[in-house]
Amino acid sequence: HKWHRTMGMAALYADPFEHLVVNTAPPLAAALLLRAHPWIVAAWAFIASANTVIAHTKDGQHIDHHFHRNKNFGVGWMLCDRFHGTLLE
């Protein structure tokens, strides 16, 4: 979130703390808890990374998140944003 203007591949950038605590620990904990097969974990990581890049390559609702940091966290149907009241129309 250093930049307001978004760019696909730059979306994967994270400082070490954010990468470990936010991006890696929760999905790894879920995979271990559910005893997910390594191929499932790899497929999930690929899909999640691709979704992040795609969400930052086109104009859309998530782009507003880079100007309003507490709004529009998601992409697509924005279901969680609608549920939690963080959707910026």
Protein backbone atom coordinates (compact mmCIF):
# COMPACT_ATOMS: atom_id res chain seq x y z
CA HIS A 1 0.00 0.00 0.00
CA LYS A 2 2.91 2.33 -0.59
CA TRP A 3 1.46 3.48 -3.89
CA HIS A 4 -1.99 4.77 -4.85
CA ARG A 5 -1.53 3.75 -8.46
CA THR A 6 -1.69 -0.01 -8.75
CA MET A 7 0.25 -2.37 -10.96
CA GLY A 8 -0.33 -6.12 -11.20
CA MET A 9 3.00 -7.64 -10.23
CA ALA A 10 3.69 -4.94 -7.63
CA ALA A 11 0.59 -6.19 -5.79
CA LEU A 12 2.59 -9.19 -4.57
CA TYR A 13 5.05 -6.90 -2.75
CA ALA A 14 4.86 -7.02 1.04
CA ASP A 15 7.29 -6.12 3.78
CA PRO A 16 8.67 -9.13 5.70
CA PHE A 17 6.28 -8.73 8.66
CA GLU A 18 3.19 -8.47 6.44
CA HIS A 19 4.34 -11.38 4.30
CA LEU A 20 4.91 -13.70 7.25
CA VAL A 21 2.10 -12.66 9.60
CA VAL A 22 -0.65 -11.75 7.14
CA ASN A 23 0.08 -13.61 3.90
CA THR A 24 1.78 -16.83 5.01
CA ALA A 25 0.84 -17.79 8.59
CA PRO A 26 -3.00 -17.92 8.27
CA PRO A 27 -3.17 -20.09 5.13
CA LEU A 28 -0.33 -22.29 6.37
CA ALA A 29 -2.07 -22.77 9.73
CA ALA A 30 -5.33 -23.65 7.92
CA ALA A 31 -3.52 -26.11 5.64
CA LEU A 32 -1.86 -27.81 8.61
CA LEU A 33 -5.09 -27.87 10.64
CA LEU A 34 -7.03 -29.39 7.74
CA ARG A 35 -4.14 -31.67 6.73
CA ALA A 36 -4.36 -30.40 3.17
CA HIS A 37 -2.38 -32.19 0.50
CA PRO A 38 0.67 -30.18 -0.67
CA TRP A 39 -0.76 -29.97 -4.21
CA ILE A 40 -3.93 -28.38 -2.83
CA VAL A 41 -1.85 -25.86 -0.88
CA ALA A 42 0.21 -25.09 -4.00
CA ALA A 43 -2.94 -24.68 -6.13
CA TRP A 44 -4.48 -22.37 -3.53
CA ALA A 45 -1.28 -20.26 -3.39
CA PHE A 46 -1.26 -19.98 -7.19
CA ILE A 47 -4.93 -19.00 -7.40
CA ALA A 48 -4.63 -16.50 -4.54
CA SER A 49 -1.54 -14.89 -6.10
CA ALA A 50 -3.16 -14.72 -9.55
CA ASN A 51 -6.29 -13.17 -8.04
CA THR A 52 -4.17 -10.53 -6.29
CA VAL A 53 -2.37 -9.62 -9.50
CA ILE A 54 -5.60 -9.49 -11.53
CA ALA A 55 -7.35 -7.35 -8.90
CA HIS A 56 -4.57 -4.78 -9.20
CA THR A 57 -4.31 -4.68 -13.00
CA LYS A 58 -7.66 -3.23 -13.91
CA ASP A 59 -9.87 -0.45 -12.70
CA GLY A 60 -12.36 -1.77 -10.22
CA GLN A 61 -13.71 -1.56 -6.73
CA HIS A 62 -10.52 -2.76 -5.07
CA ILE A 63 -8.54 0.10 -6.63
CA ASP A 64 -10.57 2.44 -4.40
CA HIS A 65 -8.96 0.65 -1.43
CA HIS A 66 -5.65 2.30 -2.29
CA PHE A 67 -7.21 5.72 -1.80
CA HIS A 68 -9.57 4.82 1.07
CA ARG A 69 -7.52 2.35 3.16
CA ASN A 70 -10.45 1.20 5.29
CA LYS A 71 -12.81 0.43 2.37
CA ASN A 72 -13.06 -2.12 -0.47
CA PHE A 73 -10.64 -4.76 0.72
CA GLY A 74 -12.01 -7.45 -1.60
CA VAL A 75 -12.60 -8.05 -5.29
CA GLY A 76 -15.45 -9.42 -7.37
CA TRP A 77 -18.77 -9.50 -5.55
CA MET A 78 -17.25 -7.78 -2.51
CA LEU A 79 -19.26 -10.06 -0.19
CA CYS A 80 -17.10 -9.56 2.90
CA ASP A 81 -17.05 -5.79 2.36
CA ARG A 82 -20.83 -5.78 2.10
CA PHE A 83 -21.15 -7.90 5.26
CA HIS A 84 -18.71 -5.81 7.32
CA GLY A 85 -19.88 -2.41 6.06
CA THR A 86 -16.60 -1.54 4.36
CA LEU A 87 -17.97 -1.33 0.81
CA LEU A 88 -17.47 2.04 -0.85
CA GLU A 89 -20.14 2.34 -3.55
